Amino acid sequence: MDAFTAGILQRIRKTEQDLNRALESGDDFLAEVEQSELDDLRRLAAEHGVKVAEEALPKSA
């Protein structure tokens, strides 16, 4: 696995965790920000051929 792939996957995992924490705490604004970041990271990964396993969906989904 190259550095780009490892880095983007790590950022996706962290953002998923941050999104779940925001949802659990009821912080709708932060959840929206984190969801946007996650969408951008997943798009970037797809554009570069990085396969992202679907993690457990955020608890609000």
N, C-alpha and C. Protein backbone atom coordinates (compact mmCIF):
# COMPACT_ATOMS: atom_id res chain seq x y z
N MET A 1 0.85 -1.17 0.00
CA MET A 1 0.00 0.00 0.00
C MET A 1 0.90 1.24 0.00
N ASP A 2 0.63 2.15 -0.92
CA ASP A 2 1.46 3.35 -0.98
C ASP A 2 1.03 4.38 0.07
N ALA A 3 1.83 5.40 0.22
CA ALA A 3 1.59 6.41 1.25
C ALA A 3 0.27 7.15 1.04
N PHE A 4 -0.07 7.45 -0.22
CA PHE A 4 -1.33 8.15 -0.48
C PHE A 4 -2.51 7.31 -0.02
N THR A 5 -2.52 6.03 -0.40
CA THR A 5 -3.62 5.14 -0.04
C THR A 5 -3.74 5.01 1.47
N ALA A 6 -2.62 4.77 2.13
CA ALA A 6 -2.63 4.64 3.59
C ALA A 6 -3.13 5.91 4.25
N GLY A 7 -2.68 7.05 3.75
CA GLY A 7 -3.08 8.33 4.33
C GLY A 7 -4.55 8.62 4.15
N ILE A 8 -5.08 8.39 2.96
CA ILE A 8 -6.49 8.70 2.73
C ILE A 8 -7.39 7.76 3.52
N LEU A 9 -7.00 6.49 3.62
CA LEU A 9 -7.80 5.55 4.41
C LEU A 9 -7.78 5.92 5.90
N GLN A 10 -6.64 6.37 6.37
CA GLN A 10 -6.54 6.80 7.77
C GLN A 10 -7.42 8.03 8.02
N ARG A 11 -7.38 8.98 7.09
CA ARG A 11 -8.21 10.18 7.24
C ARG A 11 -9.69 9.84 7.18
N ILE A 12 -10.06 8.89 6.34
CA ILE A 12 -11.47 8.48 6.26
C ILE A 12 -11.90 7.85 7.59
N ARG A 13 -11.10 6.95 8.14
CA ARG A 13 -11.45 6.31 9.42
C ARG A 13 -11.60 7.35 10.52
N LYS A 14 -10.66 8.31 10.59
CA LYS A 14 -10.73 9.33 11.63
C LYS A 14 -11.97 10.21 11.45
N THR A 15 -12.28 10.56 10.23
CA THR A 15 -13.45 11.40 9.97
C THR A 15 -14.73 10.65 10.31
N GLU A 16 -14.78 9.35 10.02
CA GLU A 16 -15.95 8.55 10.40
C GLU A 16 -16.12 8.55 11.92
N GLN A 17 -15.03 8.41 12.64
CA GLN A 17 -15.09 8.43 14.10
C GLN A 17 -15.56 9.80 14.60
N ASP A 18 -15.01 10.86 14.01
CA ASP A 18 -15.41 12.21 14.41
C ASP A 18 -16.89 12.46 14.11
N LEU A 19 -17.36 11.95 12.98
CA LEU A 19 -18.77 12.10 12.62
C LEU A 19 -19.65 11.37 13.64
N ASN A 20 -19.28 10.17 13.98
CA ASN A 20 -20.07 9.42 14.97
C ASN A 20 -20.10 10.13 16.32
N ARG A 21 -18.97 10.70 16.75
CA ARG A 21 -18.94 11.44 18.01
C ARG A 21 -19.85 12.65 17.94
N ALA A 22 -19.83 13.36 16.82
CA ALA A 22 -20.69 14.54 16.66
C ALA A 22 -22.16 14.14 16.72
N LEU A 23 -22.49 13.03 16.06
CA LEU A 23 -23.88 12.57 16.09
C LEU A 23 -24.30 12.16 17.49
N GLU A 24 -23.42 11.45 18.19
CA GLU A 24 -23.73 11.01 19.55
C GLU A 24 -23.93 12.18 20.50
N SER A 25 -23.17 13.25 20.29
CA SER A 25 -23.28 14.40 21.18
C SER A 25 -24.41 15.35 20.77
N GLY A 26 -25.02 15.08 19.62
CA GLY A 26 -26.13 15.93 19.18
C GLY A 26 -25.69 17.23 18.52
N ASP A 27 -24.43 17.32 18.13
CA ASP A 27 -23.91 18.53 17.49
C ASP A 27 -24.18 18.46 15.99
N ASP A 28 -25.35 18.97 15.60
CA ASP A 28 -25.77 18.87 14.20
C ASP A 28 -24.84 19.61 13.25
N PHE A 29 -24.35 20.77 13.65
CA PHE A 29 -23.46 21.54 12.78
C PHE A 29 -22.16 20.78 12.54
N LEU A 30 -21.55 20.29 13.61
CA LEU A 30 -20.30 19.55 13.47
C LEU A 30 -20.53 18.27 12.66
N ALA A 31 -21.65 17.61 12.86
CA ALA A 31 -21.95 16.40 12.09
C ALA A 31 -22.04 16.73 10.60
N GLU A 32 -22.63 17.85 10.28
CA GLU A 32 -22.73 18.25 8.87
C GLU A 32 -21.35 18.54 8.28
N VAL A 33 -20.51 19.20 9.05
CA VAL A 33 -19.14 19.49 8.60
C VAL A 33 -18.37 18.18 8.38
N GLU A 34 -18.46 17.27 9.35
CA GLU A 34 -17.75 16.00 9.24
C GLU A 34 -18.28 15.16 8.07
N GLN A 35 -19.60 15.19 7.85
CA GLN A 35 -20.16 14.43 6.73
C GLN A 35 -19.66 14.98 5.40
N SER A 36 -19.57 16.30 5.30
CA SER A 36 -19.04 16.91 4.08
C SER A 36 -17.58 16.51 3.85
N GLU A 37 -16.81 16.52 4.92
CA GLU A 37 -15.40 16.11 4.83
C GLU A 37 -15.30 14.65 4.39
N LEU A 38 -16.14 13.80 4.97
CA LEU A 38 -16.14 12.39 4.62
C LEU A 38 -16.52 12.19 3.16
N ASP A 39 -17.52 12.90 2.70
CA ASP A 39 -17.92 12.80 1.30
C ASP A 39 -16.76 13.20 0.38
N ASP A 40 -16.07 14.29 0.72
CA ASP A 40 -14.93 14.75 -0.08
C ASP A 40 -13.80 13.72 -0.09
N LEU A 41 -13.51 13.15 1.06
CA LEU A 41 -12.43 12.15 1.13
C LEU A 41 -12.78 10.90 0.33
N ARG A 42 -14.02 10.46 0.42
CA ARG A 42 -14.44 9.28 -0.35
C ARG A 42 -14.40 9.57 -1.85
N ARG A 43 -14.78 10.77 -2.25
CA ARG A 43 -14.72 11.16 -3.66
C ARG A 43 -13.28 11.16 -4.13
N LEU A 44 -12.39 11.75 -3.34
CA LEU A 44 -10.98 11.80 -3.68
C LEU A 44 -10.39 10.39 -3.80
N ALA A 45 -10.75 9.53 -2.87
CA ALA A 45 -10.27 8.15 -2.93
C ALA A 45 -10.75 7.48 -4.21
N ALA A 46 -12.01 7.65 -4.54
CA ALA A 46 -12.56 7.02 -5.75
C ALA A 46 -11.88 7.55 -7.01
N GLU A 47 -11.60 8.84 -7.04
CA GLU A 47 -10.93 9.44 -8.20
C GLU A 47 -9.54 8.86 -8.42
N HIS A 48 -8.92 8.37 -7.34
CA HIS A 48 -7.57 7.82 -7.43
C HIS A 48 -7.55 6.30 -7.35
N GLY A 49 -8.73 5.70 -7.50
CA GLY A 49 -8.80 4.24 -7.54
C GLY A 49 -8.60 3.55 -6.21
N VAL A 50 -8.77 4.28 -5.11
CA VAL A 50 -8.63 3.68 -3.79
C VAL A 50 -9.98 3.11 -3.38
N LYS A 51 -10.01 1.82 -3.13
CA LYS A 51 -11.25 1.18 -2.70
C LYS A 51 -11.42 1.40 -1.20
N VAL A 52 -12.58 1.91 -0.84
CA VAL A 52 -12.88 2.19 0.56
C VAL A 52 -13.97 1.23 1.00
N ALA A 53 -13.66 0.41 1.98
CA ALA A 53 -14.67 -0.49 2.53
C ALA A 53 -15.73 0.34 3.21
N GLU A 54 -16.97 -0.03 3.00
CA GLU A 54 -18.05 0.68 3.67
C GLU A 54 -18.01 0.31 5.14
N GLU A 55 -17.69 1.29 5.95
CA GLU A 55 -17.68 1.07 7.40
C GLU A 55 -19.12 1.11 7.87
N ALA A 56 -19.32 0.83 9.11
CA ALA A 56 -20.66 0.94 9.68
C ALA A 56 -21.16 2.35 9.43
N LEU A 57 -22.36 2.46 8.99
CA LEU A 57 -22.93 3.78 8.71
C LEU A 57 -23.04 4.56 9.99
N PRO A 58 -22.92 5.88 9.89
CA PRO A 58 -23.13 6.70 11.09
C PRO A 58 -24.48 6.38 11.71
N LYS A 59 -24.56 6.53 13.02
CA LYS A 59 -25.74 6.10 13.76
C LYS A 59 -27.03 6.80 13.34
N SER A 60 -26.94 7.95 12.68
CA SER A 60 -28.15 8.66 12.27
C SER A 60 -28.68 8.13 10.95
N ALA A 61 -27.87 7.37 10.22
CA ALA A 61 -28.27 6.91 8.87
C ALA A 61 -29.25 5.76 8.93
